[in-house]
Amino acid sequence: MLEELDSLLDALMNIDDKLNELQRINSMVIVTCDACENGNDIKYDVANVMVFIQEQIDSLDDDIRSNVSKCNALTRNIQETIKKGGCQYGRTTNI
């Protein structure tokens, strides 16, 4: 069960990393929008940045969904282990 908890922690940390990446991408969007609003003629650059941002968002979405699924599966496994009495500790906490 400790291995499952380690895997769960790893998946949650991965989600946290991905959310930090989303914040970085959001900053790129804000900078891009500010440049457009200020009349800068950077349409080609903006288009490239927007394509990059969309690719990153799609990738992050897939990664986050995958890690959430892993967390759910690991949580169910841990709950089943606890229900079967496989937990060596006398006290458990609901997740």
PDB file of N, CA and C in Angstrom:
ATOM      1  N   MET A   1       0.820  -1.184   0.000  1.00  0.00           N
ATOM      2  CA  MET A   1       0.000   0.000   0.000  1.00  0.00           C
ATOM      3  C   MET A   1       0.870   1.256   0.000  1.00  0.00           C
ATOM      4  N   LEU A   2       2.061   1.177   0.594  1.00  0.00           N
ATOM      5  CA  LEU A   2       2.949   2.334   0.581  1.00  0.00           C
ATOM      6  C   LEU A   2       3.367   2.688  -0.842  1.00  0.00           C
ATOM      7  N   GLU A   3       3.551   1.677  -1.687  1.00  0.00           N
ATOM      8  CA  GLU A   3       3.887   1.939  -3.089  1.00  0.00           C
ATOM      9  C   GLU A   3       2.751   2.686  -3.779  1.00  0.00           C
ATOM     10  N   GLU A   4       1.514   2.299  -3.479  1.00  0.00           N
ATOM     11  CA  GLU A   4       0.369   2.984  -4.068  1.00  0.00           C
ATOM     12  C   GLU A   4       0.291   4.426  -3.586  1.00  0.00           C
ATOM     13  N   LEU A   5       0.584   4.646  -2.310  1.00  0.00           N
ATOM     14  CA  LEU A   5       0.590   6.011  -1.785  1.00  0.00           C
ATOM     15  C   LEU A   5       1.692   6.837  -2.441  1.00  0.00           C
ATOM     16  N   ASP A   6       2.866   6.239  -2.652  1.00  0.00           N
ATOM     17  CA  ASP A   6       3.945   6.932  -3.352  1.00  0.00           C
ATOM     18  C   ASP A   6       3.529   7.283  -4.776  1.00  0.00           C
ATOM     19  N   SER A   7       2.872   6.342  -5.448  1.00  0.00           N
ATOM     20  CA  SER A   7       2.401   6.595  -6.811  1.00  0.00           C
ATOM     21  C   SER A   7       1.356   7.698  -6.830  1.00  0.00           C
ATOM     22  N   LEU A   8       0.482   7.682  -5.837  1.00  0.00           N
ATOM     23  CA  LEU A   8      -0.544   8.716  -5.731  1.00  0.00           C
ATOM     24  C   LEU A   8       0.101  10.083  -5.521  1.00  0.00           C
ATOM     25  N   LEU A   9       1.084  10.145  -4.645  1.00  0.00           N
ATOM     26  CA  LEU A   9       1.793  11.396  -4.393  1.00  0.00           C
ATOM     27  C   LEU A   9       2.499  11.874  -5.657  1.00  0.00           C
ATOM     28  N   ASP A  10       3.153  10.964  -6.376  1.00  0.00           N
ATOM     29  CA  ASP A  10       3.817  11.330  -7.629  1.00  0.00           C
ATOM     30  C   ASP A  10       2.826  11.900  -8.637  1.00  0.00           C
ATOM     31  N   ALA A  11       1.671  11.262  -8.760  1.00  0.00           N
ATOM     32  CA  ALA A  11       0.656  11.735  -9.707  1.00  0.00           C
ATOM     33  C   ALA A  11       0.148  13.117  -9.304  1.00  0.00           C
ATOM     34  N   LEU A  12      -0.063  13.329  -8.013  1.00  0.00           N
ATOM     35  CA  LEU A  12      -0.527  14.637  -7.548  1.00  0.00           C
ATOM     36  C   LEU A  12       0.535  15.710  -7.767  1.00  0.00           C
ATOM     37  N   MET A  13       1.791  15.373  -7.555  1.00  0.00           N
ATOM     38  CA  MET A  13       2.867  16.326  -7.799  1.00  0.00           C
ATOM     39  C   MET A  13       2.964  16.649  -9.290  1.00  0.00           C
ATOM     40  N   ASN A  14       2.728  15.648 -10.132  1.00  0.00           N
ATOM     41  CA  ASN A  14       2.733  15.872 -11.571  1.00  0.00           C
ATOM     42  C   ASN A  14       1.611  16.829 -11.960  1.00  0.00           C
ATOM     43  N   ILE A  15       0.438  16.644 -11.358  1.00  0.00           N
ATOM     44  CA  ILE A  15      -0.680  17.558 -11.623  1.00  0.00           C
ATOM     45  C   ILE A  15      -0.300  18.976 -11.206  1.00  0.00           C
ATOM     46  N   ASP A  16       0.342  19.115 -10.055  1.00  0.00           N
ATOM     47  CA  ASP A  16       0.767  20.432  -9.587  1.00  0.00           C
ATOM     48  C   ASP A  16       1.733  21.067 -10.578  1.00  0.00           C
ATOM     49  N   ASP A  17       2.686  20.280 -11.086  1.00  0.00           N
ATOM     50  CA  ASP A  17       3.626  20.784 -12.092  1.00  0.00           C
ATOM     51  C   ASP A  17       2.893  21.244 -13.346  1.00  0.00           C
ATOM     52  N   LYS A  18       1.913  20.459 -13.780  1.00  0.00           N
ATOM     53  CA  LYS A  18       1.155  20.802 -14.986  1.00  0.00           C
ATOM     54  C   LYS A  18       0.347  22.080 -14.775  1.00  0.00           C
ATOM     55  N   LEU A  19      -0.197  22.255 -13.581  1.00  0.00           N
ATOM     56  CA  LEU A  19      -0.940  23.481 -13.297  1.00  0.00           C
ATOM     57  C   LEU A  19      -0.012  24.692 -13.297  1.00  0.00           C
ATOM     58  N   ASN A  20       1.220  24.514 -12.829  1.00  0.00           N
ATOM     59  CA  ASN A  20       2.205  25.595 -12.905  1.00  0.00           C
ATOM     60  C   ASN A  20       2.515  25.937 -14.356  1.00  0.00           C
ATOM     61  N   GLU A  21       2.596  24.915 -15.220  1.00  0.00           N
ATOM     62  CA  GLU A  21       2.802  25.161 -16.645  1.00  0.00           C
ATOM     63  C   GLU A  21       1.635  25.944 -17.228  1.00  0.00           C
ATOM     64  N   LEU A  22       0.419  25.615 -16.803  1.00  0.00           N
ATOM     65  CA  LEU A  22      -0.752  26.355 -17.280  1.00  0.00           C
ATOM     66  C   LEU A  22      -0.680  27.825 -16.872  1.00  0.00           C
ATOM     67  N   GLN A  23      -0.191  28.095 -15.672  1.00  0.00           N
ATOM     68  CA  GLN A  23      -0.034  29.483 -15.246  1.00  0.00           C
ATOM     69  C   GLN A  23       0.966  30.206 -16.136  1.00  0.00           C
ATOM     70  N   ARG A  24       2.040  29.515 -16.502  1.00  0.00           N
ATOM     71  CA  ARG A  24       3.044  30.105 -17.390  1.00  0.00           C
ATOM     72  C   ARG A  24       2.429  30.411 -18.751  1.00  0.00           C
ATOM     73  N   ILE A  25       1.649  29.467 -19.264  1.00  0.00           N
ATOM     74  CA  ILE A  25       0.991  29.665 -20.557  1.00  0.00           C
ATOM     75  C   ILE A  25      -0.002  30.818 -20.469  1.00  0.00           C
ATOM     76  N   ASN A  26      -0.719  30.902 -19.369  1.00  0.00           N
ATOM     77  CA  ASN A  26      -1.657  32.006 -19.180  1.00  0.00           C
ATOM     78  C   ASN A  26      -0.932  33.346 -19.233  1.00  0.00           C
ATOM     79  N   SER A  27       0.254  33.409 -18.658  1.00  0.00           N
ATOM     80  CA  SER A  27       1.049  34.637 -18.711  1.00  0.00           C
ATOM     81  C   SER A  27       1.409  34.984 -20.148  1.00  0.00           C
ATOM     82  N   MET A  28       1.724  33.956 -20.949  1.00  0.00           N
ATOM     83  CA  MET A  28       2.038  34.188 -22.361  1.00  0.00           C
ATOM     84  C   MET A  28       0.828  34.764 -23.088  1.00  0.00           C
ATOM     85  N   VAL A  29      -0.346  34.257 -22.776  1.00  0.00           N
ATOM     86  CA  VAL A  29      -1.571  34.753 -23.411  1.00  0.00           C
ATOM     87  C   VAL A  29      -1.786  36.218 -23.049  1.00  0.00           C
ATOM     88  N   ILE A  30      -1.591  36.556 -21.794  1.00  0.00           N
ATOM     89  CA  ILE A  30      -1.788  37.937 -21.350  1.00  0.00           C
ATOM     90  C   ILE A  30      -0.822  38.867 -22.070  1.00  0.00           C
ATOM     91  N   VAL A  31       0.448  38.481 -22.169  1.00  0.00           N
ATOM     92  CA  VAL A  31       1.441  39.307 -22.860  1.00  0.00           C
ATOM     93  C   VAL A  31       1.065  39.462 -24.328  1.00  0.00           C
ATOM     94  N   THR A  32       0.643  38.361 -24.949  1.00  0.00           N
ATOM     95  CA  THR A  32       0.255  38.399 -26.359  1.00  0.00           C
ATOM     96  C   THR A  32      -0.939  39.323 -26.564  1.00  0.00           C
ATOM     97  N   CYS A  33      -1.932  39.205 -25.715  1.00  0.00           N
ATOM     98  CA  CYS A  33      -3.123  40.059 -25.831  1.00  0.00           C
ATOM     99  C   CYS A  33      -2.779  41.524 -25.612  1.00  0.00           C
ATOM    100  N   ASP A  34      -1.913  41.805 -24.644  1.00  0.00           N
ATOM    101  CA  ASP A  34      -1.490  43.184 -24.394  1.00  0.00           C
ATOM    102  C   ASP A  34      -0.798  43.769 -25.618  1.00  0.00           C
ATOM    103  N   ALA A  35       0.054  42.975 -26.262  1.00  0.00           N
ATOM    104  CA  ALA A  35       0.769  43.451 -27.450  1.00  0.00           C
ATOM    105  C   ALA A  35      -0.211  43.780 -28.571  1.00  0.00           C
ATOM    106  N   CYS A  36      -1.213  42.938 -28.749  1.00  0.00           N
ATOM    107  CA  CYS A  36      -2.217  43.176 -29.795  1.00  0.00           C
ATOM    108  C   CYS A  36      -3.033  44.428 -29.492  1.00  0.00           C
ATOM    109  N   GLU A  37      -3.416  44.589 -28.245  1.00  0.00           N
ATOM    110  CA  GLU A  37      -4.234  45.739 -27.864  1.00  0.00           C
ATOM    111  C   GLU A  37      -3.481  47.048 -28.018  1.00  0.00           C
ATOM    112  N   ASN A  38      -2.159  46.999 -27.895  1.00  0.00           N
ATOM    113  CA  ASN A  38      -1.352  48.209 -28.013  1.00  0.00           C
ATOM    114  C   ASN A  38      -0.992  48.523 -29.457  1.00  0.00           C
ATOM    115  N   GLY A  39      -1.575  47.782 -30.394  1.00  0.00           N
ATOM    116  CA  GLY A  39      -1.411  48.096 -31.807  1.00  0.00           C
ATOM    117  C   GLY A  39      -0.126  47.605 -32.440  1.00  0.00           C
ATOM    118  N   ASN A  40       0.611  46.796 -31.764  1.00  0.00           N
ATOM    119  CA  ASN A  40       1.843  46.278 -32.365  1.00  0.00           C
ATOM    120  C   ASN A  40       1.493  45.369 -33.538  1.00  0.00           C
ATOM    121  N   ASP A  41       2.247  45.500 -34.613  1.00  0.00           N
ATOM    122  CA  ASP A  41       1.999  44.682 -35.804  1.00  0.00           C
ATOM    123  C   ASP A  41       2.802  43.386 -35.682  1.00  0.00           C
ATOM    124  N   ILE A  42       2.266  42.489 -34.896  1.00  0.00           N
ATOM    125  CA  ILE A  42       2.974  41.230 -34.643  1.00  0.00           C
ATOM    126  C   ILE A  42       2.060  40.045 -34.917  1.00  0.00           C
ATOM    127  N   LYS A  43       1.211  40.201 -35.928  1.00  0.00           N
ATOM    128  CA  LYS A  43       0.208  39.168 -36.186  1.00  0.00           C
ATOM    129  C   LYS A  43       0.831  37.799 -36.415  1.00  0.00           C
ATOM    130  N   TYR A  44       1.916  37.735 -37.182  1.00  0.00           N
ATOM    131  CA  TYR A  44       2.557  36.445 -37.463  1.00  0.00           C
ATOM    132  C   TYR A  44       3.092  35.835 -36.171  1.00  0.00           C
ATOM    133  N   ASP A  45       3.763  36.654 -35.366  1.00  0.00           N
ATOM    134  CA  ASP A  45       4.302  36.165 -34.091  1.00  0.00           C
ATOM    135  C   ASP A  45       3.182  35.722 -33.158  1.00  0.00           C
ATOM    136  N   VAL A  46       2.114  36.495 -33.128  1.00  0.00           N
ATOM    137  CA  VAL A  46       0.979  36.154 -32.275  1.00  0.00           C
ATOM    138  C   VAL A  46       0.373  34.828 -32.716  1.00  0.00           C
ATOM    139  N   ALA A  47       0.228  34.644 -34.025  1.00  0.00           N
ATOM    140  CA  ALA A  47      -0.334  33.392 -34.539  1.00  0.00           C
ATOM    141  C   ALA A  47       0.528  32.206 -34.116  1.00  0.00           C
ATOM    142  N   ASN A  48       1.849  32.353 -34.215  1.00  0.00           N
ATOM    143  CA  ASN A  48       2.752  31.270 -33.803  1.00  0.00           C
ATOM    144  C   ASN A  48       2.644  30.989 -32.309  1.00  0.00           C
ATOM    145  N   VAL A  49       2.580  32.034 -31.524  1.00  0.00           N
ATOM    146  CA  VAL A  49       2.460  31.865 -30.076  1.00  0.00           C
ATOM    147  C   VAL A  49       1.135  31.191 -29.734  1.00  0.00           C
ATOM    148  N   MET A  50       0.064  31.605 -30.405  1.00  0.00           N
ATOM    149  CA  MET A  50      -1.246  31.025 -30.120  1.00  0.00           C
ATOM    150  C   MET A  50      -1.290  29.540 -30.491  1.00  0.00           C
ATOM    151  N   VAL A  51      -0.650  29.158 -31.596  1.00  0.00           N
ATOM    152  CA  VAL A  51      -0.580  27.738 -31.967  1.00  0.00           C
ATOM    153  C   VAL A  51       0.191  26.969 -30.900  1.00  0.00           C
ATOM    154  N   PHE A  52       1.315  27.524 -30.465  1.00  0.00           N
ATOM    155  CA  PHE A  52       2.120  26.886 -29.424  1.00  0.00           C
ATOM    156  C   PHE A  52       1.315  26.742 -28.132  1.00  0.00           C
ATOM    157  N   ILE A  53       0.624  27.801 -27.762  1.00  0.00           N
ATOM    158  CA  ILE A  53      -0.178  27.770 -26.541  1.00  0.00           C
ATOM    159  C   ILE A  53      -1.253  26.696 -26.632  1.00  0.00           C
ATOM    160  N   GLN A  54      -1.936  26.611 -27.765  1.00  0.00           N
ATOM    161  CA  GLN A  54      -2.992  25.608 -27.924  1.00  0.00           C
ATOM    162  C   GLN A  54      -2.425  24.195 -27.817  1.00  0.00           C
ATOM    163  N   GLU A  55      -1.261  23.961 -28.436  1.00  0.00           N
ATOM    164  CA  GLU A  55      -0.627  22.641 -28.342  1.00  0.00           C
ATOM    165  C   GLU A  55      -0.282  22.311 -26.898  1.00  0.00           C
ATOM    166  N   GLN A  56       0.249  23.287 -26.183  1.00  0.00           N
ATOM    167  CA  GLN A  56       0.621  23.070 -24.787  1.00  0.00           C
ATOM    168  C   GLN A  56      -0.612  22.808 -23.920  1.00  0.00           C
ATOM    169  N   ILE A  57      -1.660  23.561 -24.155  1.00  0.00           N
ATOM    170  CA  ILE A  57      -2.890  23.364 -23.379  1.00  0.00           C
ATOM    171  C   ILE A  57      -3.465  21.980 -23.638  1.00  0.00           C
ATOM    172  N   ASP A  58      -3.485  21.552 -24.899  1.00  0.00           N
ATOM    173  CA  ASP A  58      -3.993  20.217 -25.225  1.00  0.00           C
ATOM    174  C   ASP A  58      -3.168  19.136 -24.535  1.00  0.00           C
ATOM    175  N   SER A  59      -1.848  19.299 -24.580  1.00  0.00           N
ATOM    176  CA  SER A  59      -0.956  18.326 -23.945  1.00  0.00           C
ATOM    177  C   SER A  59      -1.160  18.307 -22.431  1.00  0.00           C
ATOM    178  N   LEU A  60      -1.249  19.482 -21.835  1.00  0.00           N
ATOM    179  CA  LEU A  60      -1.454  19.571 -20.390  1.00  0.00           C
ATOM    180  C   LEU A  60      -2.795  18.985 -19.986  1.00  0.00           C
ATOM    181  N   ASP A  61      -3.819  19.239 -20.785  1.00  0.00           N
ATOM    182  CA  ASP A  61      -5.138  18.681 -20.503  1.00  0.00           C
ATOM    183  C   ASP A  61      -5.068  17.160 -20.468  1.00  0.00           C
ATOM    184  N   ASP A  62      -4.414  16.576 -21.477  1.00  0.00           N
ATOM    185  CA  ASP A  62      -4.270  15.117 -21.517  1.00  0.00           C
ATOM    186  C   ASP A  62      -3.499  14.602 -20.307  1.00  0.00           C
ATOM    187  N   ASP A  63      -2.389  15.283 -19.978  1.00  0.00           N
ATOM    188  CA  ASP A  63      -1.565  14.859 -18.842  1.00  0.00           C
ATOM    189  C   ASP A  63      -2.334  14.941 -17.528  1.00  0.00           C
ATOM    190  N   ILE A  64      -3.045  16.032 -17.329  1.00  0.00           N
ATOM    191  CA  ILE A  64      -3.791  16.202 -16.081  1.00  0.00           C
ATOM    192  C   ILE A  64      -4.898  15.163 -15.972  1.00  0.00           C
ATOM    193  N   ARG A  65      -5.638  14.949 -17.060  1.00  0.00           N
ATOM    194  CA  ARG A  65      -6.709  13.950 -17.031  1.00  0.00           C
ATOM    195  C   ARG A  65      -6.144  12.553 -16.756  1.00  0.00           C
ATOM    196  N   SER A  66      -5.006  12.246 -17.355  1.00  0.00           N
ATOM    197  CA  SER A  66      -4.373  10.949 -17.138  1.00  0.00           C
ATOM    198  C   SER A  66      -3.969  10.782 -15.676  1.00  0.00           C
ATOM    199  N   ASN A  67      -3.384  11.825 -15.105  1.00  0.00           N
ATOM    200  CA  ASN A  67      -2.950  11.752 -13.711  1.00  0.00           C
ATOM    201  C   ASN A  67      -4.126  11.712 -12.745  1.00  0.00           C
ATOM    202  N   VAL A  68      -5.199  12.404 -13.062  1.00  0.00           N
ATOM    203  CA  VAL A  68      -6.392  12.333 -12.218  1.00  0.00           C
ATOM    204  C   VAL A  68      -6.958  10.916 -12.249  1.00  0.00           C
ATOM    205  N   SER A  69      -6.965  10.300 -13.431  1.00  0.00           N
ATOM    206  CA  SER A  69      -7.437   8.910 -13.535  1.00  0.00           C
ATOM    207  C   SER A  69      -6.560   7.978 -12.709  1.00  0.00           C
ATOM    208  N   LYS A  70      -5.240   8.188 -12.774  1.00  0.00           N
ATOM    209  CA  LYS A  70      -4.322   7.373 -11.973  1.00  0.00           C
ATOM    210  C   LYS A  70      -4.607   7.564 -10.485  1.00  0.00           C
ATOM    211  N   CYS A  71      -4.825   8.815 -10.077  1.00  0.00           N
ATOM    212  CA  CYS A  71      -5.124   9.094  -8.666  1.00  0.00           C
ATOM    213  C   CYS A  71      -6.403   8.394  -8.236  1.00  0.00           C
ATOM    214  N   ASN A  72      -7.418   8.453  -9.087  1.00  0.00           N
ATOM    215  CA  ASN A  72      -8.682   7.789  -8.758  1.00  0.00           C
ATOM    216  C   ASN A  72      -8.493   6.283  -8.622  1.00  0.00           C
ATOM    217  N   ALA A  73      -7.762   5.683  -9.557  1.00  0.00           N
ATOM    218  CA  ALA A  73      -7.536   4.238  -9.506  1.00  0.00           C
ATOM    219  C   ALA A  73      -6.735   3.862  -8.264  1.00  0.00           C
ATOM    220  N   LEU A  74      -5.700   4.625  -7.964  1.00  0.00           N
ATOM    221  CA  LEU A  74      -4.887   4.341  -6.784  1.00  0.00           C
ATOM    222  C   LEU A  74      -5.694   4.520  -5.503  1.00  0.00           C
ATOM    223  N   THR A  75      -6.525   5.542  -5.467  1.00  0.00           N
ATOM    224  CA  THR A  75      -7.369   5.764  -4.291  1.00  0.00           C
ATOM    225  C   THR A  75      -8.322   4.595  -4.088  1.00  0.00           C
ATOM    226  N   ARG A  76      -8.918   4.111  -5.183  1.00  0.00           N
ATOM    227  CA  ARG A  76      -9.812   2.945  -5.075  1.00  0.00           C
ATOM    228  C   ARG A  76      -9.037   1.722  -4.579  1.00  0.00           C
ATOM    229  N   ASN A  77      -7.830   1.516  -5.097  1.00  0.00           N
ATOM    230  CA  ASN A  77      -7.014   0.378  -4.647  1.00  0.00           C
ATOM    231  C   ASN A  77      -6.692   0.482  -3.162  1.00  0.00           C
ATOM    232  N   ILE A  78      -6.355   1.681  -2.728  1.00  0.00           N
ATOM    233  CA  ILE A  78      -6.045   1.884  -1.314  1.00  0.00           C
ATOM    234  C   ILE A  78      -7.284   1.630  -0.454  1.00  0.00           C
ATOM    235  N   GLN A  79      -8.432   2.136  -0.897  1.00  0.00           N
ATOM    236  CA  GLN A  79      -9.670   1.911  -0.152  1.00  0.00           C
ATOM    237  C   GLN A  79      -9.998   0.426  -0.070  1.00  0.00           C
ATOM    238  N   GLU A  80      -9.822  -0.301  -1.167  1.00  0.00           N
ATOM    239  CA  GLU A  80     -10.083  -1.747  -1.167  1.00  0.00           C
ATOM    240  C   GLU A  80      -9.129  -2.467  -0.222  1.00  0.00           C
ATOM    241  N   THR A  81      -7.871  -2.054  -0.227  1.00  0.00           N
ATOM    242  CA  THR A  81      -6.887  -2.665   0.667  1.00  0.00           C
ATOM    243  C   THR A  81      -7.281  -2.440   2.121  1.00  0.00           C
ATOM    244  N   ILE A  82      -7.711  -1.229   2.430  1.00  0.00           N
ATOM    245  CA  ILE A  82      -8.128  -0.922   3.799  1.00  0.00           C
ATOM    246  C   ILE A  82      -9.363  -1.735   4.173  1.00  0.00           C
ATOM    247  N   LYS A  83     -10.336  -1.836   3.258  1.00  0.00           N
ATOM    248  CA  LYS A  83     -11.557  -2.606   3.524  1.00  0.00           C
ATOM    249  C   LYS A  83     -11.255  -4.078   3.763  1.00  0.00           C
ATOM    250  N   LYS A  84     -10.263  -4.603   3.047  1.00  0.00           N
ATOM    251  CA  LYS A  84      -9.903  -6.017   3.194  1.00  0.00           C
ATOM    252  C   LYS A  84      -9.068  -6.256   4.442  1.00  0.00           C
ATOM    253  N   GLY A  85      -8.683  -5.194   5.100  1.00  0.00           N
ATOM    254  CA  GLY A  85      -7.885  -5.349   6.310  1.00  0.00           C
ATOM    255  C   GLY A  85      -6.407  -5.464   6.019  1.00  0.00           C
ATOM    256  N   GLY A  86      -5.995  -5.045   4.849  1.00  0.00           N
ATOM    257  CA  GLY A  86      -4.593  -5.142   4.472  1.00  0.00           C
ATOM    258  C   GLY A  86      -3.732  -4.034   5.031  1.00  0.00           C
ATOM    259  N   CYS A  87      -4.356  -3.100   5.671  1.00  0.00           N
ATOM    260  CA  CYS A  87      -3.608  -1.996   6.252  1.00  0.00           C
ATOM    261  C   CYS A  87      -3.086  -2.428   7.617  1.00  0.00           C
ATOM    262  N   GLN A  88      -1.794  -2.236   7.858  1.00  0.00           N
ATOM    263  CA  GLN A  88      -1.185  -2.686   9.103  1.00  0.00           C
ATOM    264  C   GLN A  88      -1.449  -1.728  10.256  1.00  0.00           C
ATOM    265  N   TYR A  89      -1.930  -0.558   9.922  1.00  0.00           N
ATOM    266  CA  TYR A  89      -2.102   0.455  10.946  1.00  0.00           C
ATOM    267  C   TYR A  89      -3.521   0.407  11.474  1.00  0.00           C
ATOM    268  N   GLY A  90      -3.673   0.656  12.756  1.00  0.00           N
ATOM    269  CA  GLY A  90      -4.979   0.545  13.383  1.00  0.00           C
ATOM    270  C   GLY A  90      -5.919   1.686  13.069  1.00  0.00           C
ATOM    271  N   ARG A  91      -5.382   2.787  12.643  1.00  0.00           N
ATOM    272  CA  ARG A  91      -6.220   3.962  12.414  1.00  0.00           C
ATOM    273  C   ARG A  91      -6.091   4.396  10.962  1.00  0.00           C
ATOM    274  N   THR A  92      -7.208   4.602  10.311  1.00  0.00           N
ATOM    275  CA  THR A  92      -7.191   5.073   8.931  1.00  0.00           C
ATOM    276  C   THR A  92      -8.019   6.341   8.823  1.00  0.00           C
ATOM    277  N   THR A  93      -7.756   7.084   7.795  1.00  0.00           N
ATOM    278  CA  THR A  93      -8.477   8.324   7.550  1.00  0.00           C
ATOM    279  C   THR A  93      -9.101   8.249   6.174  1.00  0.00           C
ATOM    280  N   ASN A  94     -10.323   8.712   6.041  1.00  0.00           N
ATOM    281  CA  ASN A  94     -10.954   8.755   4.726  1.00  0.00           C
ATOM    282  C   ASN A  94     -10.238   9.761   3.845  1.00  0.00           C
ATOM    283  N   ILE A  95     -10.098   9.404   2.599  1.00  0.00           N
ATOM    284  CA  ILE A  95      -9.405  10.282   1.645  1.00  0.00           C
ATOM    285  C   ILE A  95     -10.435  11.151   0.964  1.00  0.00           C
TER     286      ILE A  95
END
